[in-house]
C-alpha atoms as a PDB file:
ATOM      1  CA  MET A   1      15.589 -14.072  19.264  1.00  0.00           C
ATOM      2  CA  SER A   2      18.251 -12.033  21.018  1.00  0.00           C
ATOM      3  CA  ALA A   3      17.346  -8.898  22.937  1.00  0.00           C
ATOM      4  CA  ALA A   4      19.135  -6.827  20.300  1.00  0.00           C
ATOM      5  CA  HIS A   5      16.679  -8.099  17.681  1.00  0.00           C
ATOM      6  CA  ALA A   6      13.498  -8.058  19.773  1.00  0.00           C
ATOM      7  CA  VAL A   7      10.669  -5.926  18.468  1.00  0.00           C
ATOM      8  CA  PRO A   8       9.654  -3.405  21.141  1.00  0.00           C
ATOM      9  CA  ARG A   9       6.097  -3.688  22.432  1.00  0.00           C
ATOM     10  CA  SER A  10       4.114  -0.536  21.723  1.00  0.00           C
ATOM     11  CA  SER A  11       2.758   1.355  24.684  1.00  0.00           C
ATOM     12  CA  ARG A  12      -0.774   2.690  24.618  1.00  0.00           C
ATOM     13  CA  PRO A  13      -0.808   5.793  22.448  1.00  0.00           C
ATOM     14  CA  ARG A  14      -2.140   9.172  23.457  1.00  0.00           C
ATOM     15  CA  PRO A  15      -5.799   9.387  22.313  1.00  0.00           C
ATOM     16  CA  ILE A  16      -6.882  12.319  20.173  1.00  0.00           C
ATOM     17  CA  THR A  17      -9.470  14.446  21.974  1.00  0.00           C
ATOM     18  CA  PRO A  18     -12.725  14.318  19.998  1.00  0.00           C
ATOM     19  CA  LYS A  19     -14.366  17.568  18.910  1.00  0.00           C
ATOM     20  CA  THR A  20     -18.103  18.146  19.073  1.00  0.00           C
ATOM     21  CA  GLY A  21     -19.857  15.461  17.024  1.00  0.00           C
ATOM     22  CA  GLN A  22     -16.855  13.112  17.034  1.00  0.00           C
ATOM     23  CA  GLU A  23     -16.141   9.842  18.847  1.00  0.00           C
ATOM     24  CA  SER A  24     -12.810   8.557  20.114  1.00  0.00           C
ATOM     25  CA  VAL A  25     -12.094   4.876  19.544  1.00  0.00           C
ATOM     26  CA  TRP A  26     -10.433   4.982  22.965  1.00  0.00           C
ATOM     27  CA  ASP A  27     -13.888   5.478  24.515  1.00  0.00           C
ATOM     28  CA  TYR A  28     -15.173   2.277  22.878  1.00  0.00           C
ATOM     29  CA  PRO A  29     -15.462  -0.766  25.155  1.00  0.00           C
ATOM     30  CA  ARG A  30     -13.608  -4.051  25.361  1.00  0.00           C
ATOM     31  CA  PRO A  31     -15.227  -6.504  24.919  1.00  0.00           C
ATOM     32  CA  PRO A  32     -16.843  -4.830  21.909  1.00  0.00           C
ATOM     33  CA  ARG A  33     -20.363  -3.417  21.783  1.00  0.00           C
ATOM     34  CA  VAL A  34     -22.905  -3.941  18.983  1.00  0.00           C
ATOM     35  CA  GLU A  35     -24.896  -0.873  17.988  1.00  0.00           C
ATOM     36  CA  HIS A  36     -27.745  -0.513  15.481  1.00  0.00           C
ATOM     37  CA  ARG A  37     -27.468   2.495  13.149  1.00  0.00           C
ATOM     38  CA  LEU A  38     -29.798   4.243  10.733  1.00  0.00           C
ATOM     39  CA  GLU A  39     -27.053   5.907   8.665  1.00  0.00           C
ATOM     40  CA  GLN A  40     -27.162   5.524   4.889  1.00  0.00           C
ATOM     41  CA  VAL A  41     -24.418   3.047   3.947  1.00  0.00           C
ATOM     42  CA  THR A  42     -23.464   2.671   0.274  1.00  0.00           C
ATOM     43  CA  VAL A  43     -20.847   0.277  -1.101  1.00  0.00           C
ATOM     44  CA  ARG A  44     -19.522   0.133  -4.691  1.00  0.00           C
ATOM     45  CA  LEU A  45     -17.519  -2.539  -6.457  1.00  0.00           C
ATOM     46  CA  GLY A  46     -16.819  -3.029 -10.152  1.00  0.00           C
ATOM     47  CA  GLY A  47     -18.308   0.393 -10.864  1.00  0.00           C
ATOM     48  CA  ARG A  48     -21.666  -0.641  -9.389  1.00  0.00           C
ATOM     49  CA  VAL A  49     -23.544  -0.014  -6.185  1.00  0.00           C
ATOM     50  CA  ILE A  50     -23.655  -3.452  -4.570  1.00  0.00           C
ATOM     51  CA  VAL A  51     -25.526  -2.461  -1.429  1.00  0.00           C
ATOM     52  CA  GLU A  52     -27.368   0.527  -0.007  1.00  0.00           C
ATOM     53  CA  SER A  53     -28.929   0.268   3.401  1.00  0.00           C
ATOM     54  CA  THR A  54     -30.078   2.270   6.400  1.00  0.00           C
ATOM     55  CA  ASP A  55     -30.141  -0.948   8.442  1.00  0.00           C
ATOM     56  CA  ALA A  56     -26.555  -1.173   9.625  1.00  0.00           C
ATOM     57  CA  VAL A  57     -25.029  -2.595  12.773  1.00  0.00           C
ATOM     58  CA  ARG A  58     -21.617  -1.461  13.834  1.00  0.00           C
ATOM     59  CA  VAL A  59     -19.219  -3.120  16.241  1.00  0.00           C
ATOM     60  CA  LEU A  60     -17.263  -0.778  18.498  1.00  0.00           C
ATOM     61  CA  GLU A  61     -14.058  -1.970  20.151  1.00  0.00           C
ATOM     62  CA  THR A  62     -11.329  -0.067  21.980  1.00  0.00           C
ATOM     63  CA  SER A  63      -8.690   1.331  19.590  1.00  0.00           C
ATOM     64  CA  HIS A  64     -10.546   0.200  16.441  1.00  0.00           C
ATOM     65  CA  PRO A  65     -12.652   2.225  14.019  1.00  0.00           C
ATOM     66  CA  PRO A  66     -16.212   0.840  13.798  1.00  0.00           C
ATOM     67  CA  VAL A  67     -16.860  -2.184  11.594  1.00  0.00           C
ATOM     68  CA  TYR A  68     -20.182  -1.921   9.762  1.00  0.00           C
ATOM     69  CA  TYR A  69     -22.293  -5.048   9.234  1.00  0.00           C
ATOM     70  CA  LEU A  70     -25.028  -4.930   6.585  1.00  0.00           C
ATOM     71  CA  PRO A  71     -27.946  -7.303   6.018  1.00  0.00           C
ATOM     72  CA  ILE A  72     -26.952 -10.178   3.745  1.00  0.00           C
ATOM     73  CA  ALA A  73     -30.439  -9.909   2.218  1.00  0.00           C
ATOM     74  CA  ALA A  74     -29.659  -6.343   1.034  1.00  0.00           C
ATOM     75  CA  PHE A  75     -27.013  -7.616  -1.421  1.00  0.00           C
ATOM     76  CA  PRO A  76     -28.069  -8.631  -4.935  1.00  0.00           C
ATOM     77  CA  ALA A  77     -27.991 -12.316  -5.819  1.00  0.00           C
ATOM     78  CA  GLY A  78     -24.472 -13.421  -6.745  1.00  0.00           C
ATOM     79  CA  ALA A  79     -22.704 -10.502  -5.041  1.00  0.00           C
ATOM     80  CA  LEU A  80     -21.598 -12.645  -2.076  1.00  0.00           C
ATOM     81  CA  VAL A  81     -19.931 -15.947  -2.965  1.00  0.00           C
ATOM     82  CA  ALA A  82     -18.903 -18.263  -0.136  1.00  0.00           C
ATOM     83  CA  ALA A  83     -15.120 -18.475   0.151  1.00  0.00           C
ATOM     84  CA  GLY A  84     -13.078 -21.111   1.930  1.00  0.00           C
ATOM     85  CA  GLY A  85     -11.668 -20.872   5.394  1.00  0.00           C
ATOM     86  CA  THR A  86     -12.723 -19.467   8.733  1.00  0.00           C
ATOM     87  CA  SER A  87     -11.173 -17.422  11.497  1.00  0.00           C
ATOM     88  CA  LEU A  88     -11.938 -17.054  15.172  1.00  0.00           C
ATOM     89  CA  CYS A  89     -12.670 -13.873  17.077  1.00  0.00           C
ATOM     90  CA  GLU A  90     -12.355 -14.237  20.826  1.00  0.00           C
ATOM     91  CA  PHE A  91     -15.559 -12.207  21.253  1.00  0.00           C
ATOM     92  CA  LYS A  92     -17.775 -12.837  18.226  1.00  0.00           C
ATOM     93  CA  GLY A  93     -16.968 -16.475  17.433  1.00  0.00           C
ATOM     94  CA  GLN A  94     -16.170 -18.176  14.124  1.00  0.00           C
ATOM     95  CA  ALA A  95     -16.208 -16.007  11.000  1.00  0.00           C
ATOM     96  CA  HIS A  96     -16.953 -17.335   7.516  1.00  0.00           C
ATOM     97  CA  TYR A  97     -15.791 -15.467   4.413  1.00  0.00           C
ATOM     98  CA  PHE A  98     -17.222 -14.273   1.113  1.00  0.00           C
ATOM     99  CA  ASP A  99     -15.740 -13.164  -2.159  1.00  0.00           C
ATOM    100  CA  VAL A 100     -17.576 -10.023  -3.232  1.00  0.00           C
ATOM    101  CA  VAL A 101     -18.454  -9.919  -6.942  1.00  0.00           C
ATOM    102  CA  ALA A 102     -19.873  -7.117  -9.101  1.00  0.00           C
ATOM    103  CA  GLY A 103     -19.326  -5.498 -12.491  1.00  0.00           C
ATOM    104  CA  GLY A 104     -16.629  -7.987 -13.499  1.00  0.00           C
ATOM    105  CA  ALA A 105     -14.633  -7.371 -10.296  1.00  0.00           C
ATOM    106  CA  ARG A 106     -14.006 -10.032  -7.650  1.00  0.00           C
ATOM    107  CA  ALA A 107     -12.702  -9.016  -4.230  1.00  0.00           C
ATOM    108  CA  ARG A 108     -11.447 -12.227  -2.640  1.00  0.00           C
ATOM    109  CA  ARG A 109     -12.366 -12.883   0.986  1.00  0.00           C
ATOM    110  CA  ALA A 110     -13.445  -9.255   1.240  1.00  0.00           C
ATOM    111  CA  GLY A 111     -16.542  -9.953   3.340  1.00  0.00           C
ATOM    112  CA  TRP A 112     -17.208 -11.995   6.443  1.00  0.00           C
ATOM    113  CA  THR A 113     -20.110 -13.082   8.603  1.00  0.00           C
ATOM    114  CA  TYR A 114     -20.740 -14.801  11.912  1.00  0.00           C
ATOM    115  CA  PRO A 115     -23.575 -17.235  11.112  1.00  0.00           C
ATOM    116  CA  HIS A 116     -23.578 -18.538  14.726  1.00  0.00           C
ATOM    117  CA  PRO A 117     -22.088 -15.695  16.769  1.00  0.00           C
ATOM    118  CA  SER A 118     -21.250 -15.830  20.442  1.00  0.00           C
ATOM    119  CA  ARG A 119     -23.785 -14.658  22.993  1.00  0.00           C
ATOM    120  CA  GLY A 120     -24.187 -10.908  22.901  1.00  0.00           C
ATOM    121  CA  PHE A 121     -23.406 -10.723  19.173  1.00  0.00           C
ATOM    122  CA  GLU A 122     -26.594 -12.374  17.843  1.00  0.00           C
ATOM    123  CA  ALA A 123     -27.371  -9.238  15.801  1.00  0.00           C
ATOM    124  CA  LEU A 124     -24.501 -10.194  13.439  1.00  0.00           C
ATOM    125  CA  SER A 125     -25.898 -13.612  12.430  1.00  0.00           C
ATOM    126  CA  ASP A 126     -27.581 -12.457   9.198  1.00  0.00           C
ATOM    127  CA  ARG A 127     -25.150  -9.666   8.325  1.00  0.00           C
ATOM    128  CA  VAL A 128     -21.895  -9.253   6.451  1.00  0.00           C
ATOM    129  CA  ALA A 129     -18.979  -6.881   7.023  1.00  0.00           C
ATOM    130  CA  LEU A 130     -16.747  -5.711   4.178  1.00  0.00           C
ATOM    131  CA  TYR A 131     -13.131  -4.587   4.026  1.00  0.00           C
ATOM    132  CA  PRO A 132     -13.387  -1.011   2.723  1.00  0.00           C
ATOM    133  CA  ALA A 133      -9.924  -1.259   1.109  1.00  0.00           C
ATOM    134  CA  ALA A 134     -11.187  -4.090  -1.139  1.00  0.00           C
ATOM    135  CA  MET A 135     -14.196  -2.121  -2.439  1.00  0.00           C
ATOM    136  CA  ASP A 136     -14.261   0.712  -4.980  1.00  0.00           C
ATOM    137  CA  SER A 137     -15.776   2.824  -2.215  1.00  0.00           C
ATOM    138  CA  CYS A 138     -17.766   2.671   0.989  1.00  0.00           C
ATOM    139  CA  GLU A 139     -19.772   5.638   2.243  1.00  0.00           C
ATOM    140  CA  VAL A 140     -21.570   6.486   5.460  1.00  0.00           C
ATOM    141  CA  ASP A 141     -24.166   9.252   5.044  1.00  0.00           C
ATOM    142  CA  GLY A 142     -22.440  10.327   1.834  1.00  0.00           C
ATOM    143  CA  GLU A 143     -18.932  10.524   3.322  1.00  0.00           C
ATOM    144  CA  ARG A 144     -16.327   8.283   1.764  1.00  0.00           C
ATOM    145  CA  VAL A 145     -14.785   5.928   4.312  1.00  0.00           C
ATOM    146  CA  LEU A 146     -11.050   5.450   4.813  1.00  0.00           C
ATOM    147  CA  ALA A 147      -9.921   1.876   5.474  1.00  0.00           C
ATOM    148  CA  GLN A 148      -8.263   0.910   8.736  1.00  0.00           C
ATOM    149  CA  ALA A 149      -4.543   0.443   8.160  1.00  0.00           C
ATOM    150  CA  GLY A 150      -2.839  -2.908   8.108  1.00  0.00           C
ATOM    151  CA  GLY A 151      -5.199  -5.094   6.096  1.00  0.00           C
ATOM    152  CA  PHE A 152      -6.160  -7.365   9.027  1.00  0.00           C
ATOM    153  CA  TYR A 153      -9.004  -5.390  10.593  1.00  0.00           C
ATOM    154  CA  GLY A 154     -12.000  -4.044   8.692  1.00  0.00           C
ATOM    155  CA  GLY A 155     -12.654  -0.700  10.381  1.00  0.00           C
ATOM    156  CA  TRP A 156     -14.415   2.168   8.633  1.00  0.00           C
ATOM    157  CA  ILE A 157     -12.914   5.608   9.357  1.00  0.00           C
ATOM    158  CA  THR A 158     -14.989   8.756   8.848  1.00  0.00           C
ATOM    159  CA  SER A 159     -14.399  12.346   9.971  1.00  0.00           C
ATOM    160  CA  ARG A 160     -16.582  11.585  13.000  1.00  0.00           C
ATOM    161  CA  ILE A 161     -14.081   9.029  14.370  1.00  0.00           C
ATOM    162  CA  VAL A 162     -10.715   9.910  15.937  1.00  0.00           C
ATOM    163  CA  GLY A 163      -7.845   7.647  16.964  1.00  0.00           C
ATOM    164  CA  PRO A 164      -5.081   6.805  16.820  1.00  0.00           C
ATOM    165  CA  PHE A 165      -6.238   3.499  15.357  1.00  0.00           C
ATOM    166  CA  LYS A 166      -4.879  -0.001  15.849  1.00  0.00           C
ATOM    167  CA  GLY A 167      -3.839  -1.832  12.675  1.00  0.00           C
ATOM    168  CA  GLY A 168      -0.794  -0.075  11.308  1.00  0.00           C
ATOM    169  CA  PRO A 169       2.843  -0.977  11.953  1.00  0.00           C
ATOM    170  CA  GLY A 170       3.775  -0.981  15.636  1.00  0.00           C
ATOM    171  CA  THR A 171       0.194  -1.162  16.943  1.00  0.00           C
ATOM    172  CA  MET A 172      -0.268  -4.882  17.577  1.00  0.00           C
ATOM    173  CA  GLY A 173       0.708  -4.520  21.260  1.00  0.00           C
ATOM    174  CA  TRP A 174      -2.048  -2.035  22.039  1.00  0.00           C
END
């Protein structure tokens, strides 16, 4: 590709200063940190609640909104259907995917798990994360979550999290 057609690499953006009670994704570590949470997490698909839990784990990584992982056992039978393919995270290991099914809706490859995660991420082995954009809604303590832009990452954005966030156009170089 000629220099005239090269895509410029994005420089690190200016973080938003968090207000009281907020967190900046720019204060999150790299490699990521796993954190247990007691927040009420509710997910709907096909007009139905498919999971409610106060046993969440979230993964925090620099520039990314948290990804919430919920116990696989908290989902009703048939809601998680193994889907083909895997992907590799340099930190967490090999991910396996699920279609999420409820109320006549099927969200393809909308959930993932790390059945044999890398050391330090063992807490994820019996949990599943969901792409909020593929669900009817995801809530944390009653607040509806916004999906991380871009469709590749599965971050959950609430009013308690400030960015800017990786995922949208021009952010891959962060």
